[in-house]
Amino acid sequence: MDFTAIDFETANASRSSACALGLVEVRGGLITAEHSWLIDPQQRFDGWNIAIHGITPSMVAGQPTFSELWPTLEPLLQGQIIVAHNASFDMSVLRYCLDGAYLDYPVFQYLCTYVLGKKMLGDLPSHKLNVISEHFDIPLKHHDALDDARAAASILLKLMEREEQHDPLLLAGAQGYASGTMYPGGYTPFSAPKKPKKSARKKDSVGKSATSINSFI
C-alpha cells in the first residue's frame, strides 16, 4: 500500500498557473509524511479562483516558482505511484508547469480516485471529492491543497480496504483500468483499455453470393 497523493490549485484557468501543491506520502497503508507549498505562478490571479481556494497574490509573494520548487518535488514523484482526485486535471497542471519551465517529465504511474470512485461507488449522487469524503467520514477542508491530497489518499485506502486489495495498481486493474504514466517526452492517461473495433463486413461479390445462397438453405 505504497503511493503518493497530490493536489494542485491554480491562480487562473491556465493549467500552467499552479499556486499551491499538497503532497501526502503513504507507506505500508499509513500516511507517513505530508508536504504543502505555496507557489508563485508569476501570473495573474482570477477572482473566481481566489473565491475557490482563498489564495491571493500577496500570499504567494516571495514563495518559490515551480522551477525553483522542482528540485525538492521531483524526488517525491520519481518512480512512485501517484494518486489524485480528477487526476486528468492535476497531471495536466504538472505537465504544463514542466513545459513552461523547460523541464523533463519524471517517470511514474498514476491513478484517479474520481474515476475509481465513480466505478466503485455508483450509488452516490456525485463523485466529487467532498461527496466521497463525506461518504467515508473523511474530514475535508475542500480546495486546501494539502487537505485535498490527504482526502484523495484516504479515499484510495478506503477503496482498497473494501476490495481487500494491498496494491493500488491491482485495484485499478480489477476495476478494468490501466494506470496512467508519465515519462520524459510524453504520458498516457489513466483509462479503461479500449475495446477492439469490429472489422467491417466486406461487401464484395463473394459476400453477396454467399448471402444469396444462404437465403435458400
C-alpha atoms as a PDB file:
ATOM      1  CA  MET A   1       0.000   0.000   0.000  1.00  0.00           C
ATOM      2  CA  ASP A   2       2.647   2.491  -1.036  1.00  0.00           C
ATOM      3  CA  PHE A   3       1.679   5.572  -3.048  1.00  0.00           C
ATOM      4  CA  THR A   4       1.815   9.371  -3.071  1.00  0.00           C
ATOM      5  CA  ALA A   5      -1.255  11.611  -3.345  1.00  0.00           C
ATOM      6  CA  ILE A   6      -1.090  15.133  -4.767  1.00  0.00           C
ATOM      7  CA  ASP A   7      -3.371  18.101  -5.371  1.00  0.00           C
ATOM      8  CA  PHE A   8      -2.727  21.350  -7.248  1.00  0.00           C
ATOM      9  CA  GLU A   9      -4.567  24.662  -7.019  1.00  0.00           C
ATOM     10  CA  THR A  10      -4.236  27.215  -9.811  1.00  0.00           C
ATOM     11  CA  ALA A  11      -4.281  31.014  -9.940  1.00  0.00           C
ATOM     12  CA  ASN A  12      -6.413  31.176 -13.081  1.00  0.00           C
ATOM     13  CA  ALA A  13      -7.845  28.997 -15.832  1.00  0.00           C
ATOM     14  CA  SER A  14      -4.376  28.276 -17.248  1.00  0.00           C
ATOM     15  CA  ARG A  15      -3.025  24.867 -16.277  1.00  0.00           C
ATOM     16  CA  SER A  16       0.449  26.440 -16.004  1.00  0.00           C
ATOM     17  CA  SER A  17      -0.616  28.708 -13.119  1.00  0.00           C
ATOM     18  CA  ALA A  18      -0.058  26.371 -10.151  1.00  0.00           C
ATOM     19  CA  CYS A  19      -0.193  28.412  -6.944  1.00  0.00           C
ATOM     20  CA  ALA A  20      -0.357  25.635  -4.340  1.00  0.00           C
ATOM     21  CA  LEU A  21       0.527  21.968  -4.046  1.00  0.00           C
ATOM     22  CA  GLY A  22      -0.261  19.405  -1.392  1.00  0.00           C
ATOM     23  CA  LEU A  23       1.548  16.065  -1.292  1.00  0.00           C
ATOM     24  CA  VAL A  24       0.880  13.110   1.017  1.00  0.00           C
ATOM     25  CA  GLU A  25       3.112  10.027   1.221  1.00  0.00           C
ATOM     26  CA  VAL A  26       1.522   6.685   2.118  1.00  0.00           C
ATOM     27  CA  ARG A  27       3.779   3.798   3.031  1.00  0.00           C
ATOM     28  CA  GLY A  28       2.529   0.445   4.273  1.00  0.00           C
ATOM     29  CA  GLY A  29      -1.032   1.746   4.253  1.00  0.00           C
ATOM     30  CA  LEU A  30      -0.262   4.648   6.595  1.00  0.00           C
ATOM     31  CA  ILE A  31       0.290   8.343   5.955  1.00  0.00           C
ATOM     32  CA  THR A  32       3.954   8.821   6.796  1.00  0.00           C
ATOM     33  CA  ALA A  33       4.659  12.343   5.526  1.00  0.00           C
ATOM     34  CA  GLU A  34       2.812  15.445   4.370  1.00  0.00           C
ATOM     35  CA  HIS A  35       4.097  18.437   2.417  1.00  0.00           C
ATOM     36  CA  SER A  36       2.446  21.680   1.425  1.00  0.00           C
ATOM     37  CA  TRP A  37       3.768  24.548  -0.686  1.00  0.00           C
ATOM     38  CA  LEU A  38       2.550  27.877  -1.943  1.00  0.00           C
ATOM     39  CA  ILE A  39       3.917  28.592  -5.419  1.00  0.00           C
ATOM     40  CA  ASP A  40       4.434  31.903  -7.163  1.00  0.00           C
ATOM     41  CA  PRO A  41       2.833  31.284 -10.589  1.00  0.00           C
ATOM     42  CA  GLN A  42       4.136  34.593 -11.940  1.00  0.00           C
ATOM     43  CA  GLN A  43       0.703  35.008 -13.497  1.00  0.00           C
ATOM     44  CA  ARG A  44      -2.451  36.924 -12.684  1.00  0.00           C
ATOM     45  CA  PHE A  45      -4.976  35.635 -10.145  1.00  0.00           C
ATOM     46  CA  ASP A  46      -8.611  35.431 -11.236  1.00  0.00           C
ATOM     47  CA  GLY A  47     -11.284  36.328  -8.719  1.00  0.00           C
ATOM     48  CA  TRP A  48     -13.083  33.054  -9.448  1.00  0.00           C
ATOM     49  CA  ASN A  49     -10.036  31.008  -8.442  1.00  0.00           C
ATOM     50  CA  ILE A  50      -9.409  33.106  -5.332  1.00  0.00           C
ATOM     51  CA  ALA A  51     -13.026  32.533  -4.300  1.00  0.00           C
ATOM     52  CA  ILE A  52     -12.498  28.771  -4.620  1.00  0.00           C
ATOM     53  CA  HIS A  53      -9.225  28.288  -2.745  1.00  0.00           C
ATOM     54  CA  GLY A  54      -8.654  31.591  -0.915  1.00  0.00           C
ATOM     55  CA  ILE A  55      -5.084  32.053  -2.140  1.00  0.00           C
ATOM     56  CA  THR A  56      -4.222  35.651  -3.077  1.00  0.00           C
ATOM     57  CA  PRO A  57      -1.265  37.271  -4.866  1.00  0.00           C
ATOM     58  CA  SER A  58       0.088  38.639  -1.589  1.00  0.00           C
ATOM     59  CA  MET A  59       0.170  35.114  -0.114  1.00  0.00           C
ATOM     60  CA  VAL A  60       2.490  33.800  -2.838  1.00  0.00           C
ATOM     61  CA  ALA A  61       4.766  36.842  -2.917  1.00  0.00           C
ATOM     62  CA  GLY A  62       8.279  35.613  -2.135  1.00  0.00           C
ATOM     63  CA  GLN A  63       7.300  31.943  -2.476  1.00  0.00           C
ATOM     64  CA  PRO A  64       9.258  29.700  -4.875  1.00  0.00           C
ATOM     65  CA  THR A  65       8.304  29.465  -8.512  1.00  0.00           C
ATOM     66  CA  PHE A  66       7.555  25.996  -9.871  1.00  0.00           C
ATOM     67  CA  SER A  67      11.028  25.687 -11.397  1.00  0.00           C
ATOM     68  CA  GLU A  68      12.584  26.647  -8.055  1.00  0.00           C
ATOM     69  CA  LEU A  69      10.424  24.073  -6.239  1.00  0.00           C
ATOM     70  CA  TRP A  70      11.076  21.277  -8.734  1.00  0.00           C
ATOM     71  CA  PRO A  71      14.392  20.013  -7.259  1.00  0.00           C
ATOM     72  CA  THR A  72      12.505  19.403  -3.996  1.00  0.00           C
ATOM     73  CA  LEU A  73       9.429  17.956  -5.663  1.00  0.00           C
ATOM     74  CA  GLU A  74      10.952  15.678  -8.281  1.00  0.00           C
ATOM     75  CA  PRO A  75      12.420  13.075  -5.848  1.00  0.00           C
ATOM     76  CA  LEU A  76       8.986  12.784  -4.201  1.00  0.00           C
ATOM     77  CA  LEU A  77       7.353  11.858  -7.517  1.00  0.00           C
ATOM     78  CA  GLN A  78      10.036   9.955  -9.407  1.00  0.00           C
ATOM     79  CA  GLY A  79       9.263   6.234  -9.610  1.00  0.00           C
ATOM     80  CA  GLN A  80       6.189   6.456  -7.389  1.00  0.00           C
ATOM     81  CA  ILE A  81       2.533   5.535  -7.834  1.00  0.00           C
ATOM     82  CA  ILE A  82       0.848   8.946  -7.849  1.00  0.00           C
ATOM     83  CA  VAL A  83      -2.793   9.403  -6.901  1.00  0.00           C
ATOM     84  CA  ALA A  84      -5.076  12.408  -7.425  1.00  0.00           C
ATOM     85  CA  HIS A  85      -8.796  13.092  -7.444  1.00  0.00           C
ATOM     86  CA  ASN A  86      -9.626  14.072 -11.021  1.00  0.00           C
ATOM     87  CA  ALA A  87      -6.065  13.171 -11.973  1.00  0.00           C
ATOM     88  CA  SER A  88      -6.504  14.440 -15.522  1.00  0.00           C
ATOM     89  CA  PHE A  89      -6.504  17.975 -14.072  1.00  0.00           C
ATOM     90  CA  ASP A  90      -3.555  17.560 -11.701  1.00  0.00           C
ATOM     91  CA  MET A  91      -1.450  15.708 -14.273  1.00  0.00           C
ATOM     92  CA  SER A  92      -2.107  18.410 -16.847  1.00  0.00           C
ATOM     93  CA  VAL A  93      -1.089  21.111 -14.342  1.00  0.00           C
ATOM     94  CA  LEU A  94       2.139  19.238 -13.700  1.00  0.00           C
ATOM     95  CA  ARG A  95       2.829  18.829 -17.428  1.00  0.00           C
ATOM     96  CA  TYR A  96       2.092  22.459 -18.258  1.00  0.00           C
ATOM     97  CA  CYS A  97       4.292  23.691 -15.416  1.00  0.00           C
ATOM     98  CA  LEU A  98       7.129  21.418 -16.501  1.00  0.00           C
ATOM     99  CA  ASP A  99       6.723  22.505 -20.110  1.00  0.00           C
ATOM    100  CA  GLY A 100       6.726  26.159 -19.118  1.00  0.00           C
ATOM    101  CA  ALA A 101       9.940  25.684 -17.167  1.00  0.00           C
ATOM    102  CA  TYR A 102      11.560  23.542 -19.929  1.00  0.00           C
ATOM    103  CA  LEU A 103      11.950  20.645 -17.500  1.00  0.00           C
ATOM    104  CA  ASP A 104      11.860  16.939 -18.353  1.00  0.00           C
ATOM    105  CA  TYR A 105       8.895  14.885 -17.189  1.00  0.00           C
ATOM    106  CA  PRO A 106       9.590  12.460 -14.327  1.00  0.00           C
ATOM    107  CA  VAL A 107       8.776   8.759 -14.595  1.00  0.00           C
ATOM    108  CA  PHE A 108       5.810   7.456 -12.620  1.00  0.00           C
ATOM    109  CA  GLN A 109       2.434   5.716 -12.829  1.00  0.00           C
ATOM    110  CA  TYR A 110      -0.759   7.367 -11.653  1.00  0.00           C
ATOM    111  CA  LEU A 111      -4.357   6.616 -10.651  1.00  0.00           C
ATOM    112  CA  CYS A 112      -7.521   8.695 -10.338  1.00  0.00           C
ATOM    113  CA  THR A 113      -9.757   8.339  -7.274  1.00  0.00           C
ATOM    114  CA  TYR A 114     -12.564  10.217  -9.045  1.00  0.00           C
ATOM    115  CA  VAL A 115     -12.704   7.619 -11.833  1.00  0.00           C
ATOM    116  CA  LEU A 116     -12.336   4.695  -9.415  1.00  0.00           C
ATOM    117  CA  GLY A 117     -14.954   6.179  -7.098  1.00  0.00           C
ATOM    118  CA  LYS A 118     -17.384   6.619  -9.972  1.00  0.00           C
ATOM    119  CA  LYS A 119     -16.931   2.948 -10.906  1.00  0.00           C
ATOM    120  CA  MET A 120     -16.972   1.523  -7.376  1.00  0.00           C
ATOM    121  CA  LEU A 121     -19.439   3.853  -5.635  1.00  0.00           C
ATOM    122  CA  GLY A 122     -22.128   4.067  -8.273  1.00  0.00           C
ATOM    123  CA  ASP A 123     -24.921   4.727  -5.772  1.00  0.00           C
ATOM    124  CA  LEU A 124     -23.539   8.122  -4.745  1.00  0.00           C
ATOM    125  CA  PRO A 125     -25.267  11.162  -6.297  1.00  0.00           C
ATOM    126  CA  SER A 126     -21.875  12.655  -7.205  1.00  0.00           C
ATOM    127  CA  HIS A 127     -18.257  11.593  -7.086  1.00  0.00           C
ATOM    128  CA  LYS A 128     -16.691  14.931  -6.249  1.00  0.00           C
ATOM    129  CA  LEU A 129     -14.011  14.869  -3.588  1.00  0.00           C
ATOM    130  CA  ASN A 130     -16.247  16.353  -0.899  1.00  0.00           C
ATOM    131  CA  VAL A 131     -19.081  13.902  -1.591  1.00  0.00           C
ATOM    132  CA  ILE A 132     -16.895  10.781  -1.431  1.00  0.00           C
ATOM    133  CA  SER A 133     -15.083  12.180   1.612  1.00  0.00           C
ATOM    134  CA  GLU A 134     -18.404  12.648   3.387  1.00  0.00           C
ATOM    135  CA  HIS A 135     -19.436   9.123   2.407  1.00  0.00           C
ATOM    136  CA  PHE A 136     -16.330   7.727   4.120  1.00  0.00           C
ATOM    137  CA  ASP A 137     -16.408  10.238   7.035  1.00  0.00           C
ATOM    138  CA  ILE A 138     -13.102  11.731   5.908  1.00  0.00           C
ATOM    139  CA  PRO A 139     -12.529  15.273   7.287  1.00  0.00           C
ATOM    140  CA  LEU A 140     -12.015  17.779   4.481  1.00  0.00           C
ATOM    141  CA  LYS A 141     -11.370  21.462   4.041  1.00  0.00           C
ATOM    142  CA  HIS A 142     -12.181  21.448   0.352  1.00  0.00           C
ATOM    143  CA  HIS A 143      -9.757  23.203  -2.033  1.00  0.00           C
ATOM    144  CA  ASP A 144      -6.988  23.338   0.524  1.00  0.00           C
ATOM    145  CA  ALA A 145      -4.260  21.573  -1.446  1.00  0.00           C
ATOM    146  CA  LEU A 146      -2.938  19.515   1.461  1.00  0.00           C
ATOM    147  CA  ASP A 147      -6.402  18.583   2.711  1.00  0.00           C
ATOM    148  CA  ASP A 148      -7.464  17.556  -0.785  1.00  0.00           C
ATOM    149  CA  ALA A 149      -4.353  15.405  -1.223  1.00  0.00           C
ATOM    150  CA  ARG A 150      -4.928  13.828   2.189  1.00  0.00           C
ATOM    151  CA  ALA A 151      -8.556  13.094   1.300  1.00  0.00           C
ATOM    152  CA  ALA A 152      -7.556  11.503  -2.029  1.00  0.00           C
ATOM    153  CA  ALA A 153      -5.074   9.282  -0.171  1.00  0.00           C
ATOM    154  CA  SER A 154      -7.711   8.321   2.392  1.00  0.00           C
ATOM    155  CA  ILE A 155     -10.286   7.544  -0.307  1.00  0.00           C
ATOM    156  CA  LEU A 156      -7.896   5.205  -2.085  1.00  0.00           C
ATOM    157  CA  LEU A 157      -7.115   3.448   1.189  1.00  0.00           C
ATOM    158  CA  LYS A 158     -10.859   3.016   1.838  1.00  0.00           C
ATOM    159  CA  LEU A 159     -11.438   1.601  -1.646  1.00  0.00           C
ATOM    160  CA  MET A 160      -8.528  -0.790  -1.261  1.00  0.00           C
ATOM    161  CA  GLU A 161      -9.785  -1.897   2.151  1.00  0.00           C
ATOM    162  CA  ARG A 162     -13.260  -2.515   0.746  1.00  0.00           C
ATOM    163  CA  GLU A 163     -11.880  -4.758  -2.004  1.00  0.00           C
ATOM    164  CA  GLU A 164      -9.250  -6.343   0.273  1.00  0.00           C
ATOM    165  CA  GLN A 165      -6.519  -5.159  -2.080  1.00  0.00           C
ATOM    166  CA  HIS A 166      -2.990  -4.251  -0.993  1.00  0.00           C
ATOM    167  CA  ASP A 167      -1.708  -2.892  -4.307  1.00  0.00           C
ATOM    168  CA  PRO A 168      -3.188   0.269  -5.901  1.00  0.00           C
ATOM    169  CA  LEU A 169      -2.323  -0.949  -9.397  1.00  0.00           C
ATOM    170  CA  LEU A 170      -4.057  -4.289  -8.820  1.00  0.00           C
ATOM    171  CA  LEU A 171      -7.121  -2.464  -7.513  1.00  0.00           C
ATOM    172  CA  ALA A 172      -7.249  -0.347 -10.672  1.00  0.00           C
ATOM    173  CA  GLY A 173      -6.733  -3.416 -12.866  1.00  0.00           C
ATOM    174  CA  ALA A 174      -9.512  -5.305 -11.101  1.00  0.00           C
ATOM    175  CA  GLN A 175     -11.844  -2.407 -11.935  1.00  0.00           C
ATOM    176  CA  GLY A 176     -10.827  -2.526 -15.589  1.00  0.00           C
ATOM    177  CA  TYR A 177      -8.409   0.420 -15.642  1.00  0.00           C
ATOM    178  CA  ALA A 178      -4.813   0.729 -16.745  1.00  0.00           C
ATOM    179  CA  SER A 179      -2.614   3.115 -14.790  1.00  0.00           C
ATOM    180  CA  GLY A 180      -1.655   6.377 -16.390  1.00  0.00           C
ATOM    181  CA  THR A 181       2.025   7.014 -16.923  1.00  0.00           C
ATOM    182  CA  MET A 182       4.330   9.968 -17.239  1.00  0.00           C
ATOM    183  CA  TYR A 183       7.766   9.740 -18.780  1.00  0.00           C
ATOM    184  CA  PRO A 184      10.274  12.043 -20.495  1.00  0.00           C
ATOM    185  CA  GLY A 185       8.621  13.227 -23.678  1.00  0.00           C
ATOM    186  CA  GLY A 186       5.084  12.086 -23.026  1.00  0.00           C
ATOM    187  CA  TYR A 187       2.334  10.498 -20.987  1.00  0.00           C
ATOM    188  CA  THR A 188      -0.591   8.074 -21.175  1.00  0.00           C
ATOM    189  CA  PRO A 189      -3.920   8.716 -19.416  1.00  0.00           C
ATOM    190  CA  PHE A 190      -5.488   6.662 -16.646  1.00  0.00           C
ATOM    191  CA  SER A 191      -8.197   4.860 -18.573  1.00  0.00           C
ATOM    192  CA  ALA A 192     -10.079   1.694 -19.314  1.00  0.00           C
ATOM    193  CA  PRO A 193      -8.487  -0.395 -22.078  1.00  0.00           C
ATOM    194  CA  LYS A 194     -10.136   0.326 -25.411  1.00  0.00           C
ATOM    195  CA  LYS A 195     -12.239  -2.445 -26.870  1.00  0.00           C
ATOM    196  CA  PRO A 196     -11.058  -3.602 -30.294  1.00  0.00           C
ATOM    197  CA  LYS A 197     -13.200  -2.312 -33.115  1.00  0.00           C
ATOM    198  CA  LYS A 198     -15.230  -4.861 -35.035  1.00  0.00           C
ATOM    199  CA  SER A 199     -13.988  -5.269 -38.565  1.00  0.00           C
ATOM    200  CA  ALA A 200     -16.402  -4.032 -41.198  1.00  0.00           C
ATOM    201  CA  ARG A 201     -18.080  -6.779 -43.182  1.00  0.00           C
ATOM    202  CA  LYS A 202     -16.815  -6.872 -46.731  1.00  0.00           C
ATOM    203  CA  LYS A 203     -19.491  -6.264 -49.321  1.00  0.00           C
ATOM    204  CA  ASP A 204     -17.874  -7.851 -52.348  1.00  0.00           C
ATOM    205  CA  SER A 205     -19.309 -10.158 -54.945  1.00  0.00           C
ATOM    206  CA  VAL A 206     -18.320 -13.263 -52.961  1.00  0.00           C
ATOM    207  CA  GLY A 207     -20.152 -11.984 -49.916  1.00  0.00           C
ATOM    208  CA  LYS A 208     -23.239 -11.235 -51.952  1.00  0.00           C
ATOM    209  CA  SER A 209     -23.210 -14.681 -53.491  1.00  0.00           C
ATOM    210  CA  ALA A 210     -22.853 -16.331 -50.094  1.00  0.00           C
ATOM    211  CA  THR A 211     -25.759 -14.328 -48.715  1.00  0.00           C
ATOM    212  CA  SER A 212     -27.869 -15.218 -51.687  1.00  0.00           C
ATOM    213  CA  ILE A 213     -27.094 -18.906 -51.395  1.00  0.00           C
ATOM    214  CA  ASN A 214     -27.662 -18.946 -47.620  1.00  0.00           C
ATOM    215  CA  SER A 215     -31.096 -17.422 -48.077  1.00  0.00           C
ATOM    216  CA  PHE A 216     -32.202 -20.561 -49.911  1.00  0.00           C
ATOM    217  CA  ILE A 217     -30.769 -23.146 -47.487  1.00  0.00           C
END
